[in-house]
C-alpha atoms as a PDB file:
ATOM      1  CA  MET A   1       0.159   0.036  -0.034  1.00  0.00           C
ATOM      2  CA  THR A   2       1.419   3.315  -1.001  1.00  0.00           C
ATOM      3  CA  LEU A   3       0.304   6.161   1.508  1.00  0.00           C
ATOM      4  CA  HIS A   4      -0.340   9.796   0.231  1.00  0.00           C
ATOM      5  CA  VAL A   5       1.165  12.265   2.652  1.00  0.00           C
ATOM      6  CA  LEU A   6       0.332  16.099   2.477  1.00  0.00           C
ATOM      7  CA  VAL A   7       2.979  18.307   3.918  1.00  0.00           C
ATOM      8  CA  LEU A   8       2.075  21.899   4.391  1.00  0.00           C
ATOM      9  CA  GLY A   9       5.530  23.257   3.907  1.00  0.00           C
ATOM     10  CA  GLY A  10       7.715  26.416   3.162  1.00  0.00           C
ATOM     11  CA  THR A  11      10.250  25.840   6.129  1.00  0.00           C
ATOM     12  CA  THR A  12      13.603  24.318   5.869  1.00  0.00           C
ATOM     13  CA  GLU A  13      12.239  21.452   8.162  1.00  0.00           C
ATOM     14  CA  ALA A  14       9.441  20.886   5.661  1.00  0.00           C
ATOM     15  CA  ARG A  15      12.027  20.327   2.930  1.00  0.00           C
ATOM     16  CA  ARG A  16      13.889  17.887   5.090  1.00  0.00           C
ATOM     17  CA  LEU A  17      10.703  16.107   5.987  1.00  0.00           C
ATOM     18  CA  ALA A  18       9.889  15.729   2.331  1.00  0.00           C
ATOM     19  CA  GLU A  19      13.387  14.361   1.668  1.00  0.00           C
ATOM     20  CA  ALA A  20      12.831  11.655   4.303  1.00  0.00           C
ATOM     21  CA  LEU A  21       9.474  10.845   3.059  1.00  0.00           C
ATOM     22  CA  VAL A  22      10.201  10.419  -0.721  1.00  0.00           C
ATOM     23  CA  ALA A  23      13.311   8.275   0.557  1.00  0.00           C
ATOM     24  CA  ALA A  24      10.816   6.024   2.481  1.00  0.00           C
ATOM     25  CA  ASP A  25       9.057   2.964   1.249  1.00  0.00           C
ATOM     26  CA  GLY A  26       5.513   3.147   0.250  1.00  0.00           C
ATOM     27  CA  ILE A  27       5.131   6.834   0.527  1.00  0.00           C
ATOM     28  CA  ARG A  28       4.004   9.448  -1.925  1.00  0.00           C
ATOM     29  CA  VAL A  29       4.518  13.038  -0.751  1.00  0.00           C
ATOM     30  CA  THR A  30       2.774  16.150  -1.940  1.00  0.00           C
ATOM     31  CA  SER A  31       4.213  19.558  -0.530  1.00  0.00           C
ATOM     32  CA  SER A  32       2.107  22.411  -0.356  1.00  0.00           C
ATOM     33  CA  LEU A  33       3.669  25.958  -0.686  1.00  0.00           C
ATOM     34  CA  ALA A  34       1.709  29.108   0.278  1.00  0.00           C
ATOM     35  CA  GLY A  35       3.252  31.032  -2.917  1.00  0.00           C
ATOM     36  CA  ARG A  36       4.287  34.095  -0.905  1.00  0.00           C
ATOM     37  CA  VAL A  37       8.019  33.873  -1.682  1.00  0.00           C
ATOM     38  CA  ALA A  38       8.791  34.690  -5.355  1.00  0.00           C
ATOM     39  CA  ARG A  39      11.526  32.133  -5.944  1.00  0.00           C
ATOM     40  CA  PRO A  40      11.022  29.466  -3.187  1.00  0.00           C
ATOM     41  CA  THR A  41      13.381  26.407  -2.923  1.00  0.00           C
ATOM     42  CA  LEU A  42      11.181  23.528  -4.047  1.00  0.00           C
ATOM     43  CA  PRO A  43      11.347  20.296  -1.935  1.00  0.00           C
ATOM     44  CA  PRO A  44      11.602  16.867  -3.700  1.00  0.00           C
ATOM     45  CA  GLY A  45       8.218  15.106  -4.796  1.00  0.00           C
ATOM     46  CA  GLU A  46       5.126  16.446  -5.889  1.00  0.00           C
ATOM     47  CA  VAL A  47       4.628  20.174  -5.230  1.00  0.00           C
ATOM     48  CA  ARG A  48       1.567  22.510  -5.325  1.00  0.00           C
ATOM     49  CA  VAL A  49       1.754  26.304  -4.911  1.00  0.00           C
ATOM     50  CA  GLY A  50      -1.082  28.555  -3.387  1.00  0.00           C
ATOM     51  CA  GLY A  51      -3.634  28.723  -1.238  1.00  0.00           C
ATOM     52  CA  PHE A  52      -6.626  26.016  -0.781  1.00  0.00           C
ATOM     53  CA  GLY A  53      -9.334  28.729  -0.202  1.00  0.00           C
ATOM     54  CA  GLY A  54      -9.987  28.294   3.249  1.00  0.00           C
ATOM     55  CA  VAL A  55     -11.181  25.023   5.068  1.00  0.00           C
ATOM     56  CA  GLY A  56     -13.724  23.939   2.561  1.00  0.00           C
ATOM     57  CA  GLY A  57     -10.860  24.014  -0.304  1.00  0.00           C
ATOM     58  CA  MET A  58      -8.398  22.030   1.883  1.00  0.00           C
ATOM     59  CA  THR A  59     -10.946  19.623   2.831  1.00  0.00           C
ATOM     60  CA  ASP A  60     -11.942  19.065  -0.911  1.00  0.00           C
ATOM     61  CA  TRP A  61      -8.401  18.724  -1.930  1.00  0.00           C
ATOM     62  CA  ILE A  62      -7.672  16.170   0.768  1.00  0.00           C
ATOM     63  CA  ARG A  63     -10.625  14.198  -0.276  1.00  0.00           C
ATOM     64  CA  ALA A  64     -10.048  14.522  -4.095  1.00  0.00           C
ATOM     65  CA  HIS A  65      -6.277  13.327  -3.742  1.00  0.00           C
ATOM     66  CA  ARG A  66      -6.893  10.485  -1.555  1.00  0.00           C
ATOM     67  CA  VAL A  67      -4.517  11.989   1.284  1.00  0.00           C
ATOM     68  CA  ASP A  68      -3.947   9.586   4.146  1.00  0.00           C
ATOM     69  CA  ALA A  69      -2.151  11.783   6.373  1.00  0.00           C
ATOM     70  CA  VAL A  70      -1.289  15.535   6.618  1.00  0.00           C
ATOM     71  CA  ILE A  71       1.734  16.921   8.363  1.00  0.00           C
ATOM     72  CA  ASP A  72       1.564  20.823   9.281  1.00  0.00           C
ATOM     73  CA  ALA A  73       5.403  21.797   8.918  1.00  0.00           C
ATOM     74  CA  THR A  74       4.495  25.503   8.085  1.00  0.00           C
ATOM     75  CA  HIS A  75       6.282  28.593   9.662  1.00  0.00           C
ATOM     76  CA  PRO A  76       5.640  28.780  13.409  1.00  0.00           C
ATOM     77  CA  PHE A  77       3.828  31.935  12.829  1.00  0.00           C
ATOM     78  CA  ALA A  78       1.601  30.828  10.307  1.00  0.00           C
ATOM     79  CA  GLY A  79      -1.261  30.292  12.446  1.00  0.00           C
ATOM     80  CA  THR A  80      -4.234  30.350  10.221  1.00  0.00           C
ATOM     81  CA  ILE A  81      -3.253  27.391   8.062  1.00  0.00           C
ATOM     82  CA  SER A  82      -2.576  25.336  10.954  1.00  0.00           C
ATOM     83  CA  PHE A  83      -6.126  25.677  12.171  1.00  0.00           C
ATOM     84  CA  HIS A  84      -7.790  25.336   8.765  1.00  0.00           C
ATOM     85  CA  ALA A  85      -5.564  21.957   8.537  1.00  0.00           C
ATOM     86  CA  ALA A  86      -7.051  20.756  11.991  1.00  0.00           C
ATOM     87  CA  SER A  87     -10.546  21.582  10.616  1.00  0.00           C
ATOM     88  CA  ALA A  88     -10.172  19.890   7.459  1.00  0.00           C
ATOM     89  CA  ALA A  89      -8.350  16.703   8.488  1.00  0.00           C
ATOM     90  CA  ALA A  90     -11.040  16.173  11.000  1.00  0.00           C
ATOM     91  CA  ALA A  91     -13.649  16.707   8.554  1.00  0.00           C
ATOM     92  CA  VAL A  92     -12.280  13.812   6.291  1.00  0.00           C
ATOM     93  CA  HIS A  93     -11.106  11.792   9.308  1.00  0.00           C
ATOM     94  CA  VAL A  94      -7.311  11.773   8.297  1.00  0.00           C
ATOM     95  CA  PRO A  95      -4.523  11.933  10.962  1.00  0.00           C
ATOM     96  CA  LEU A  96      -2.648  15.435  11.467  1.00  0.00           C
ATOM     97  CA  LEU A  97       0.679  15.771  12.748  1.00  0.00           C
ATOM     98  CA  ALA A  98       2.800  18.973  13.333  1.00  0.00           C
ATOM     99  CA  LEU A  99       6.409  19.546  12.851  1.00  0.00           C
ATOM    100  CA  ARG A 100       7.502  22.545  14.762  1.00  0.00           C
ATOM    101  CA  ARG A 101      11.312  23.433  15.254  1.00  0.00           C
ATOM    102  CA  PRO A 102      11.919  24.092  19.016  1.00  0.00           C
ATOM    103  CA  GLY A 103      11.588  27.863  20.009  1.00  0.00           C
ATOM    104  CA  TRP A 104      14.535  30.009  21.285  1.00  0.00           C
ATOM    105  CA  VAL A 105      15.420  30.159  24.904  1.00  0.00           C
ATOM    106  CA  PRO A 106      17.141  33.133  26.658  1.00  0.00           C
ATOM    107  CA  VAL A 107      20.405  32.915  28.237  1.00  0.00           C
ATOM    108  CA  GLU A 108      22.567  34.912  30.582  1.00  0.00           C
ATOM    109  CA  GLY A 109      23.135  38.240  29.117  1.00  0.00           C
ATOM    110  CA  ASP A 110      20.043  38.271  27.053  1.00  0.00           C
ATOM    111  CA  ARG A 111      17.809  41.502  27.488  1.00  0.00           C
ATOM    112  CA  TRP A 112      14.485  40.092  26.185  1.00  0.00           C
ATOM    113  CA  HIS A 113      11.103  41.759  26.126  1.00  0.00           C
ATOM    114  CA  VAL A 114       8.525  39.078  25.197  1.00  0.00           C
ATOM    115  CA  THR A 115       5.042  40.161  23.928  1.00  0.00           C
ATOM    116  CA  ASP A 116       2.257  38.104  22.119  1.00  0.00           C
ATOM    117  CA  SER A 117       1.975  40.268  18.915  1.00  0.00           C
ATOM    118  CA  LEU A 118       3.416  42.795  16.440  1.00  0.00           C
ATOM    119  CA  ASP A 119       1.129  45.277  17.787  1.00  0.00           C
ATOM    120  CA  GLY A 120       2.544  44.838  21.315  1.00  0.00           C
ATOM    121  CA  ALA A 121       6.181  44.805  19.960  1.00  0.00           C
ATOM    122  CA  ALA A 122       5.529  48.152  18.269  1.00  0.00           C
ATOM    123  CA  GLU A 123       4.154  49.555  21.747  1.00  0.00           C
ATOM    124  CA  LEU A 124       7.351  48.598  23.308  1.00  0.00           C
ATOM    125  CA  LEU A 125       9.944  49.932  20.771  1.00  0.00           C
ATOM    126  CA  PRO A 126       9.758  53.483  21.590  1.00  0.00           C
ATOM    127  CA  GLU A 127      11.025  53.145  25.261  1.00  0.00           C
ATOM    128  CA  LEU A 128      13.732  50.673  24.192  1.00  0.00           C
ATOM    129  CA  GLY A 129      15.600  52.274  21.210  1.00  0.00           C
ATOM    130  CA  SER A 130      15.332  54.671  18.225  1.00  0.00           C
ATOM    131  CA  ARG A 131      17.371  52.419  15.406  1.00  0.00           C
ATOM    132  CA  VAL A 132      15.448  49.075  14.960  1.00  0.00           C
ATOM    133  CA  PHE A 133      16.678  45.934  13.297  1.00  0.00           C
ATOM    134  CA  LEU A 134      13.190  44.655  12.188  1.00  0.00           C
ATOM    135  CA  THR A 135      13.274  40.801  11.373  1.00  0.00           C
ATOM    136  CA  THR A 136       9.756  39.714  11.510  1.00  0.00           C
ATOM    137  CA  GLY A 137       9.207  39.457   7.939  1.00  0.00           C
ATOM    138  CA  ARG A 138       7.564  41.659   5.093  1.00  0.00           C
ATOM    139  CA  MET A 139       3.989  41.016   6.415  1.00  0.00           C
ATOM    140  CA  GLY A 140       2.579  42.827   9.502  1.00  0.00           C
ATOM    141  CA  LEU A 141       4.594  45.947   8.755  1.00  0.00           C
ATOM    142  CA  ALA A 142       1.420  48.072   9.470  1.00  0.00           C
ATOM    143  CA  ALA A 143       1.864  47.507  13.154  1.00  0.00           C
ATOM    144  CA  PHE A 144       4.975  49.723  13.134  1.00  0.00           C
ATOM    145  CA  ALA A 145       3.856  52.247  10.411  1.00  0.00           C
ATOM    146  CA  ALA A 146       3.041  54.861  12.826  1.00  0.00           C
ATOM    147  CA  LEU A 147       6.477  55.002  14.733  1.00  0.00           C
ATOM    148  CA  ASP A 148       7.702  57.826  12.798  1.00  0.00           C
ATOM    149  CA  ARG A 149      10.374  58.992  15.203  1.00  0.00           C
ATOM    150  CA  LEU A 150      12.154  55.371  14.686  1.00  0.00           C
ATOM    151  CA  TRP A 151      14.448  54.159  12.064  1.00  0.00           C
ATOM    152  CA  PHE A 152      13.938  50.756  10.725  1.00  0.00           C
ATOM    153  CA  LEU A 153      16.345  48.299   8.711  1.00  0.00           C
ATOM    154  CA  MET A 154      13.874  45.809   7.612  1.00  0.00           C
ATOM    155  CA  ARG A 155      15.180  42.361   6.430  1.00  0.00           C
ATOM    156  CA  SER A 156      12.950  40.006   4.496  1.00  0.00           C
ATOM    157  CA  VAL A 157      13.421  37.502   1.502  1.00  0.00           C
ATOM    158  CA  ASP A 158      10.867  39.562  -0.782  1.00  0.00           C
ATOM    159  CA  ALA A 159      10.167  43.521  -0.941  1.00  0.00           C
ATOM    160  CA  PRO A 160       7.649  44.645   1.510  1.00  0.00           C
ATOM    161  CA  GLU A 161       4.446  46.741   0.424  1.00  0.00           C
ATOM    162  CA  ALA A 162       2.666  49.686   2.147  1.00  0.00           C
ATOM    163  CA  PRO A 163       1.914  50.317   4.692  1.00  0.00           C
ATOM    164  CA  HIS A 164       5.231  50.356   6.332  1.00  0.00           C
ATOM    165  CA  PRO A 165       7.310  52.784   8.510  1.00  0.00           C
ATOM    166  CA  ALA A 166       8.244  55.910   6.800  1.00  0.00           C
ATOM    167  CA  ARG A 167      11.971  55.817   7.835  1.00  0.00           C
ATOM    168  CA  MET A 168      12.795  52.367   6.770  1.00  0.00           C
ATOM    169  CA  GLU A 169      15.722  50.765   4.674  1.00  0.00           C
ATOM    170  CA  VAL A 170      14.993  47.454   3.284  1.00  0.00           C
ATOM    171  CA  LEU A 171      17.540  44.567   3.047  1.00  0.00           C
ATOM    172  CA  LEU A 172      16.647  41.738   0.832  1.00  0.00           C
ATOM    173  CA  ASP A 173      18.405  38.605   2.069  1.00  0.00           C
ATOM    174  CA  ARG A 174      17.897  35.121   2.855  1.00  0.00           C
ATOM    175  CA  GLY A 175      19.067  33.044   5.673  1.00  0.00           C
ATOM    176  CA  PRO A 176      21.195  31.126   7.000  1.00  0.00           C
ATOM    177  CA  PHE A 177      22.894  34.355   8.467  1.00  0.00           C
ATOM    178  CA  SER A 178      26.507  34.303   9.949  1.00  0.00           C
ATOM    179  CA  LEU A 179      27.261  35.633  13.443  1.00  0.00           C
ATOM    180  CA  GLU A 180      29.995  37.996  11.822  1.00  0.00           C
ATOM    181  CA  GLY A 181      27.641  39.469   9.243  1.00  0.00           C
ATOM    182  CA  GLU A 182      24.981  39.952  11.945  1.00  0.00           C
ATOM    183  CA  ARG A 183      27.501  41.755  14.116  1.00  0.00           C
ATOM    184  CA  GLU A 184      28.593  43.945  11.175  1.00  0.00           C
ATOM    185  CA  LEU A 185      24.842  44.993  10.493  1.00  0.00           C
ATOM    186  CA  ILE A 186      24.312  46.069  14.004  1.00  0.00           C
ATOM    187  CA  ARG A 187      27.464  47.965  13.993  1.00  0.00           C
ATOM    188  CA  CYS A 188      27.302  49.625  10.778  1.00  0.00           C
ATOM    189  CA  HIS A 189      23.548  50.631  11.308  1.00  0.00           C
ATOM    190  CA  ARG A 190      24.115  51.641  14.795  1.00  0.00           C
ATOM    191  CA  ILE A 191      21.258  49.286  15.736  1.00  0.00           C
ATOM    192  CA  ASP A 192      20.172  49.856  19.240  1.00  0.00           C
ATOM    193  CA  VAL A 193      17.166  47.380  19.593  1.00  0.00           C
ATOM    194  CA  LEU A 194      16.345  44.227  17.581  1.00  0.00           C
ATOM    195  CA  VAL A 195      12.818  42.890  16.837  1.00  0.00           C
ATOM    196  CA  THR A 196      12.155  39.231  16.092  1.00  0.00           C
ATOM    197  CA  LYS A 197       9.670  36.413  16.104  1.00  0.00           C
ATOM    198  CA  ASP A 198      10.345  33.230  17.951  1.00  0.00           C
ATOM    199  CA  SER A 199      11.059  31.536  14.958  1.00  0.00           C
ATOM    200  CA  GLY A 200      13.389  29.010  16.720  1.00  0.00           C
ATOM    201  CA  GLY A 201      16.233  27.156  14.493  1.00  0.00           C
ATOM    202  CA  ASP A 202      19.909  27.809  13.707  1.00  0.00           C
ATOM    203  CA  ALA A 203      19.332  29.683  10.435  1.00  0.00           C
ATOM    204  CA  THR A 204      18.601  33.206  11.881  1.00  0.00           C
ATOM    205  CA  ALA A 205      19.757  32.719  15.605  1.00  0.00           C
ATOM    206  CA  PRO A 206      23.197  34.354  15.280  1.00  0.00           C
ATOM    207  CA  LYS A 207      21.294  37.724  15.497  1.00  0.00           C
ATOM    208  CA  LEU A 208      20.294  37.067  19.052  1.00  0.00           C
ATOM    209  CA  THR A 209      23.983  36.094  19.887  1.00  0.00           C
ATOM    210  CA  ALA A 210      24.958  39.569  18.322  1.00  0.00           C
ATOM    211  CA  ALA A 211      22.451  41.513  20.230  1.00  0.00           C
ATOM    212  CA  ARG A 212      23.593  40.042  23.549  1.00  0.00           C
ATOM    213  CA  GLU A 213      27.317  40.693  22.538  1.00  0.00           C
ATOM    214  CA  ALA A 214      26.078  44.376  21.660  1.00  0.00           C
ATOM    215  CA  GLY A 215      24.158  44.646  24.852  1.00  0.00           C
ATOM    216  CA  ILE A 216      21.157  45.812  22.872  1.00  0.00           C
ATOM    217  CA  PRO A 217      17.505  44.664  23.919  1.00  0.00           C
ATOM    218  CA  VAL A 218      15.356  42.338  21.854  1.00  0.00           C
ATOM    219  CA  VAL A 219      11.892  42.341  21.483  1.00  0.00           C
ATOM    220  CA  VAL A 220      10.557  38.816  20.888  1.00  0.00           C
ATOM    221  CA  VAL A 221       7.221  37.861  19.534  1.00  0.00           C
ATOM    222  CA  GLY A 222       5.782  34.828  21.073  1.00  0.00           C
ATOM    223  CA  ARG A 223       4.418  31.918  18.858  1.00  0.00           C
ATOM    224  CA  PRO A 224       0.785  31.173  18.401  1.00  0.00           C
ATOM    225  CA  PRO A 225      -0.468  27.968  19.775  1.00  0.00           C
ATOM    226  CA  VAL A 226      -0.804  24.540  17.886  1.00  0.00           C
ATOM    227  CA  PRO A 227      -4.535  23.553  17.602  1.00  0.00           C
ATOM    228  CA  ASP A 228      -5.567  21.382  20.504  1.00  0.00           C
ATOM    229  CA  GLY A 229      -4.904  17.671  20.202  1.00  0.00           C
ATOM    230  CA  VAL A 230      -2.412  17.827  17.380  1.00  0.00           C
ATOM    231  CA  PRO A 231       0.770  15.630  18.025  1.00  0.00           C
ATOM    232  CA  VAL A 232       3.772  17.754  17.655  1.00  0.00           C
ATOM    233  CA  ALA A 233       7.265  16.725  16.494  1.00  0.00           C
ATOM    234  CA  GLY A 234      10.378  18.857  16.746  1.00  0.00           C
ATOM    235  CA  THR A 235      12.610  17.452  14.064  1.00  0.00           C
ATOM    236  CA  PRO A 236      11.533  15.759  10.717  1.00  0.00           C
ATOM    237  CA  GLU A 237      12.961  12.306  12.082  1.00  0.00           C
ATOM    238  CA  GLU A 238      10.441  12.606  15.172  1.00  0.00           C
ATOM    239  CA  ALA A 239       7.532  13.447  12.607  1.00  0.00           C
ATOM    240  CA  LEU A 240       8.453  10.480  10.182  1.00  0.00           C
ATOM    241  CA  ALA A 241       8.482   8.298  13.590  1.00  0.00           C
ATOM    242  CA  LEU A 242       5.065   9.690  14.566  1.00  0.00           C
ATOM    243  CA  LEU A 243       3.538   8.943  11.219  1.00  0.00           C
ATOM    244  CA  ARG A 244       4.968   5.450  11.263  1.00  0.00           C
ATOM    245  CA  GLY A 245       3.470   4.894  14.718  1.00  0.00           C
ATOM    246  CA  LEU A 246      -0.148   5.888  13.650  1.00  0.00           C
ATOM    247  CA  PRO A 247      -2.397   2.786  14.196  1.00  0.00           C
ATOM    248  CA  ASP A 248      -4.163   3.144  10.867  1.00  0.00           C
ATOM    249  CA  LEU A 249      -0.979   3.734   8.992  1.00  0.00           C
ATOM    250  CA  ARG A 250       1.698   1.124   8.212  1.00  0.00           C
ATOM    251  CA  PRO A 251       4.076   2.620   5.702  1.00  0.00           C
END
């Protein structure tokens, strides 16, 4: 029996998971990418690009393509699709797993200010600094648009769209980033506060070390929750083990 696994992807972990699934016996994998990045790195196996059109569209796609299991390996902050996946998987009675890289943990010397939203981060900034390294991505910049007295260095893979802060320099780049490179950005741009989402992983973690060394505060936006009842794996290997352990699936 060949199992059809739908991977909701777009992350490094999702690509690694697709590689592991393609290499496994008896598994067909389709990776679904949201299409928000202009030139994504495509995983092995079958790939679809674009949204499903909400819960109903995802439900219909899972049913029409005879999907046996869904693995939500989206970015930790792609909260909407995670809840759509939970509803769609429940509607068609297929198992759902989540793959989430572990979050970051502060260490001695860190000056973290944790909040639960971009709006919360924007409220904190005026008291923390005036030259902001903004690494939360190009979505949600409207939260910072009214902060006219602050200067922003905004880094993202693709160019942002308005609304966004008036005093903003855009740096188009894709991780992984080196510690030396992050140190240089902070020094050259005279950054005095960093804003990041708790994305976890190693690819963008050097900015936290560079901020600690520079003694600057870091505003950390916490993750949205995974839907209740969804098993969570921390690595692609754990996700594959969870998949193999499901009672109705024996790849």
